[in-house]
Amino acid sequence: MYDLIFYSFYCMISKRDSYVMERASFLVSMVTFFAFMSLILFIFLIFNLKFPQNKWIIALVIPFAIFNGYMTDRYFKKSDRMKEIINSYNQRNRNKGKWQYSLLAAVLFLGSTGLLIFSGITLSKHLNPW
């Protein structure tokens, strides 16, 4: 599944230069990070936990963001995994257009961003009723 998401972001990026694979890897890690943050915010909301002070949120978020980016980069760059994924999906989908993968990537990115915004607004309304 992770490979499919990577290939989808690879298809979405229209520029074909040497950094396309790195950009796709970054987008995968960003979607993972947004989903993780949404999950944390919903856990606070569901279990009616008191929201920690800003320093605790920063202490939780920054290490995960760094670790997530590092592990995603390591997973894809280790032993040229990026090229293997791209070649594998290109061989399977020779006749099909790549627009379906681009659409999937756009939906994933917009969905994870929207989920993060929605969970933040919901938690904000819960903590400070309007």
C-alpha atoms as a PDB file:
ATOM      1  CA  MET A   1       0.000   0.000   0.000  1.00  0.00           C
ATOM      2  CA  TYR A   2       2.849   2.343   0.870  1.00  0.00           C
ATOM      3  CA  ASP A   3       4.390   1.650  -2.535  1.00  0.00           C
ATOM      4  CA  LEU A   4       1.104   2.407  -4.282  1.00  0.00           C
ATOM      5  CA  ILE A   5       0.836   5.736  -2.470  1.00  0.00           C
ATOM      6  CA  PHE A   6       4.420   6.574  -3.451  1.00  0.00           C
ATOM      7  CA  TYR A   7       3.760   5.700  -7.090  1.00  0.00           C
ATOM      8  CA  SER A   8       0.577   7.792  -7.042  1.00  0.00           C
ATOM      9  CA  PHE A   9       2.495  10.851  -5.873  1.00  0.00           C
ATOM     10  CA  TYR A  10       5.187  10.101  -8.440  1.00  0.00           C
ATOM     11  CA  CYS A  11       2.534  10.175 -11.187  1.00  0.00           C
ATOM     12  CA  MET A  12       1.010  13.361  -9.797  1.00  0.00           C
ATOM     13  CA  ILE A  13       4.236  15.344 -10.051  1.00  0.00           C
ATOM     14  CA  SER A  14       4.404  16.550 -13.621  1.00  0.00           C
ATOM     15  CA  LYS A  15       8.025  17.659 -13.752  1.00  0.00           C
ATOM     16  CA  ARG A  16      10.371  14.926 -14.788  1.00  0.00           C
ATOM     17  CA  ASP A  17      13.736  15.849 -13.343  1.00  0.00           C
ATOM     18  CA  SER A  18      16.096  14.168 -10.935  1.00  0.00           C
ATOM     19  CA  TYR A  19      14.168  15.211  -7.819  1.00  0.00           C
ATOM     20  CA  VAL A  20      10.726  13.795  -8.674  1.00  0.00           C
ATOM     21  CA  MET A  21      11.232  10.670  -6.572  1.00  0.00           C
ATOM     22  CA  GLU A  22      12.390  12.715  -3.578  1.00  0.00           C
ATOM     23  CA  ARG A  23       9.363  15.003  -3.894  1.00  0.00           C
ATOM     24  CA  ALA A  24       7.039  12.004  -3.999  1.00  0.00           C
ATOM     25  CA  SER A  25       8.741  10.566  -0.924  1.00  0.00           C
ATOM     26  CA  PHE A  26       8.280  13.877   0.885  1.00  0.00           C
ATOM     27  CA  LEU A  27       4.581  13.988   0.004  1.00  0.00           C
ATOM     28  CA  VAL A  28       4.125  10.445   1.329  1.00  0.00           C
ATOM     29  CA  SER A  29       5.733  11.416   4.625  1.00  0.00           C
ATOM     30  CA  MET A  30       3.585  14.564   4.798  1.00  0.00           C
ATOM     31  CA  VAL A  31       0.354  12.597   4.301  1.00  0.00           C
ATOM     32  CA  THR A  32       1.474  10.144   6.991  1.00  0.00           C
ATOM     33  CA  PHE A  33       2.243  13.009   9.349  1.00  0.00           C
ATOM     34  CA  PHE A  34      -1.130  14.693   8.751  1.00  0.00           C
ATOM     35  CA  ALA A  35      -2.949  11.411   9.403  1.00  0.00           C
ATOM     36  CA  PHE A  36      -0.962  10.896  12.624  1.00  0.00           C
ATOM     37  CA  MET A  37      -1.760  14.400  13.852  1.00  0.00           C
ATOM     38  CA  SER A  38      -5.455  13.930  13.064  1.00  0.00           C
ATOM     39  CA  LEU A  39      -5.437  10.698  15.022  1.00  0.00           C
ATOM     40  CA  ILE A  40      -3.847  12.398  18.031  1.00  0.00           C
ATOM     41  CA  LEU A  41      -6.393  15.211  17.951  1.00  0.00           C
ATOM     42  CA  PHE A  42      -9.293  12.765  17.704  1.00  0.00           C
ATOM     43  CA  ILE A  43      -7.904  10.715  20.620  1.00  0.00           C
ATOM     44  CA  PHE A  44      -7.914  13.858  22.747  1.00  0.00           C
ATOM     45  CA  LEU A  45     -11.484  14.509  21.651  1.00  0.00           C
ATOM     46  CA  ILE A  46     -12.878  10.979  22.058  1.00  0.00           C
ATOM     47  CA  PHE A  47     -11.390  10.342  25.489  1.00  0.00           C
ATOM     48  CA  ASN A  48     -12.139  13.885  26.649  1.00  0.00           C
ATOM     49  CA  LEU A  49      -8.527  14.441  27.654  1.00  0.00           C
ATOM     50  CA  LYS A  50      -7.243  17.796  28.717  1.00  0.00           C
ATOM     51  CA  PHE A  51      -5.163  19.265  25.976  1.00  0.00           C
ATOM     52  CA  PRO A  52      -1.551  19.571  27.092  1.00  0.00           C
ATOM     53  CA  GLN A  53       0.320  22.812  27.038  1.00  0.00           C
ATOM     54  CA  ASN A  54       2.050  23.932  23.868  1.00  0.00           C
ATOM     55  CA  LYS A  55       5.441  22.646  24.956  1.00  0.00           C
ATOM     56  CA  TRP A  56       4.097  19.097  25.264  1.00  0.00           C
ATOM     57  CA  ILE A  57       2.524  19.212  21.837  1.00  0.00           C
ATOM     58  CA  ILE A  58       5.768  20.465  20.363  1.00  0.00           C
ATOM     59  CA  ALA A  59       7.674  17.751  22.242  1.00  0.00           C
ATOM     60  CA  LEU A  60       5.344  15.154  20.723  1.00  0.00           C
ATOM     61  CA  VAL A  61       5.032  16.506  17.192  1.00  0.00           C
ATOM     62  CA  ILE A  62       8.580  17.500  16.274  1.00  0.00           C
ATOM     63  CA  PRO A  63      10.252  14.147  17.056  1.00  0.00           C
ATOM     64  CA  PHE A  64       7.541  12.297  15.143  1.00  0.00           C
ATOM     65  CA  ALA A  65       7.867  14.634  12.171  1.00  0.00           C
ATOM     66  CA  ILE A  66      11.632  14.128  12.067  1.00  0.00           C
ATOM     67  CA  PHE A  67      11.370  10.366  12.608  1.00  0.00           C
ATOM     68  CA  ASN A  68       8.629  10.034   9.990  1.00  0.00           C
ATOM     69  CA  GLY A  69      10.629  11.922   7.376  1.00  0.00           C
ATOM     70  CA  TYR A  70      13.783   9.969   8.180  1.00  0.00           C
ATOM     71  CA  MET A  71      12.106   6.558   8.038  1.00  0.00           C
ATOM     72  CA  THR A  72      10.217   7.336   4.827  1.00  0.00           C
ATOM     73  CA  ASP A  73      13.410   8.552   3.203  1.00  0.00           C
ATOM     74  CA  ARG A  74      15.321   5.522   4.417  1.00  0.00           C
ATOM     75  CA  TYR A  75      12.614   3.105   3.239  1.00  0.00           C
ATOM     76  CA  PHE A  76      12.515   4.475  -0.284  1.00  0.00           C
ATOM     77  CA  LYS A  77      16.177   5.268  -0.830  1.00  0.00           C
ATOM     78  CA  LYS A  78      17.508   2.032   0.621  1.00  0.00           C
ATOM     79  CA  SER A  79      18.724  -0.173  -2.232  1.00  0.00           C
ATOM     80  CA  ASP A  80      17.071   2.000  -4.887  1.00  0.00           C
ATOM     81  CA  ARG A  81      13.597   1.032  -3.749  1.00  0.00           C
ATOM     82  CA  MET A  82      12.102   4.048  -5.525  1.00  0.00           C
ATOM     83  CA  LYS A  83      13.245   2.889  -8.943  1.00  0.00           C
ATOM     84  CA  GLU A  84      12.013  -0.650  -8.287  1.00  0.00           C
ATOM     85  CA  ILE A  85       8.549   0.617  -7.349  1.00  0.00           C
ATOM     86  CA  ILE A  86       8.317   2.861 -10.396  1.00  0.00           C
ATOM     87  CA  ASN A  87       9.509   0.163 -12.792  1.00  0.00           C
ATOM     88  CA  SER A  88       7.149  -2.391 -11.246  1.00  0.00           C
ATOM     89  CA  TYR A  89       4.075  -0.192 -11.585  1.00  0.00           C
ATOM     90  CA  ASN A  90       5.086   1.009 -15.056  1.00  0.00           C
ATOM     91  CA  GLN A  91       5.297  -2.606 -16.265  1.00  0.00           C
ATOM     92  CA  ARG A  92       1.894  -3.473 -14.790  1.00  0.00           C
ATOM     93  CA  ASN A  93       0.172  -0.410 -16.210  1.00  0.00           C
ATOM     94  CA  ARG A  94       1.635   0.053 -19.664  1.00  0.00           C
ATOM     95  CA  ASN A  95      -1.652   0.569 -21.437  1.00  0.00           C
ATOM     96  CA  LYS A  96      -3.463   2.431 -18.684  1.00  0.00           C
ATOM     97  CA  GLY A  97      -3.121   6.131 -18.128  1.00  0.00           C
ATOM     98  CA  LYS A  98      -1.520   7.447 -15.004  1.00  0.00           C
ATOM     99  CA  TRP A  99      -4.327   9.893 -14.321  1.00  0.00           C
ATOM    100  CA  GLN A 100      -6.012   7.421 -11.934  1.00  0.00           C
ATOM    101  CA  TYR A 101      -2.894   7.373  -9.782  1.00  0.00           C
ATOM    102  CA  SER A 102      -2.635  11.147  -9.927  1.00  0.00           C
ATOM    103  CA  LEU A 103      -6.264  11.397  -8.833  1.00  0.00           C
ATOM    104  CA  LEU A 104      -5.626   8.996  -5.954  1.00  0.00           C
ATOM    105  CA  ALA A 105      -2.643  11.083  -4.826  1.00  0.00           C
ATOM    106  CA  ALA A 106      -4.644  14.310  -4.972  1.00  0.00           C
ATOM    107  CA  VAL A 107      -7.512  12.736  -2.996  1.00  0.00           C
ATOM    108  CA  LEU A 108      -5.085  11.396  -0.378  1.00  0.00           C
ATOM    109  CA  PHE A 109      -3.333  14.724   0.021  1.00  0.00           C
ATOM    110  CA  LEU A 110      -6.493  16.816   0.135  1.00  0.00           C
ATOM    111  CA  GLY A 111      -8.230  14.258   2.345  1.00  0.00           C
ATOM    112  CA  SER A 112      -5.426  14.134   4.904  1.00  0.00           C
ATOM    113  CA  THR A 113      -5.163  17.921   4.943  1.00  0.00           C
ATOM    114  CA  GLY A 114      -8.925  18.274   5.309  1.00  0.00           C
ATOM    115  CA  LEU A 115      -9.003  15.669   8.063  1.00  0.00           C
ATOM    116  CA  LEU A 116      -6.302  17.521   9.965  1.00  0.00           C
ATOM    117  CA  ILE A 117      -8.192  20.811   9.651  1.00  0.00           C
ATOM    118  CA  PHE A 118     -11.495  19.179  10.601  1.00  0.00           C
ATOM    119  CA  SER A 119     -10.032  17.437  13.658  1.00  0.00           C
ATOM    120  CA  GLY A 120      -8.381  20.673  14.789  1.00  0.00           C
ATOM    121  CA  ILE A 121     -11.614  22.656  14.451  1.00  0.00           C
ATOM    122  CA  THR A 122     -13.606  19.934  16.205  1.00  0.00           C
ATOM    123  CA  LEU A 123     -11.160  19.795  19.101  1.00  0.00           C
ATOM    124  CA  SER A 124     -11.103  23.586  19.289  1.00  0.00           C
ATOM    125  CA  LYS A 125     -14.916  23.710  19.514  1.00  0.00           C
ATOM    126  CA  HIS A 126     -14.838  21.014  22.174  1.00  0.00           C
ATOM    127  CA  LEU A 127     -12.261  22.779  24.331  1.00  0.00           C
ATOM    128  CA  ASN A 128     -13.558  26.322  23.825  1.00  0.00           C
ATOM    129  CA  PRO A 129     -17.251  26.235  22.885  1.00  0.00           C
ATOM    130  CA  TRP A 130     -18.215  29.053  20.576  1.00  0.00           C
END
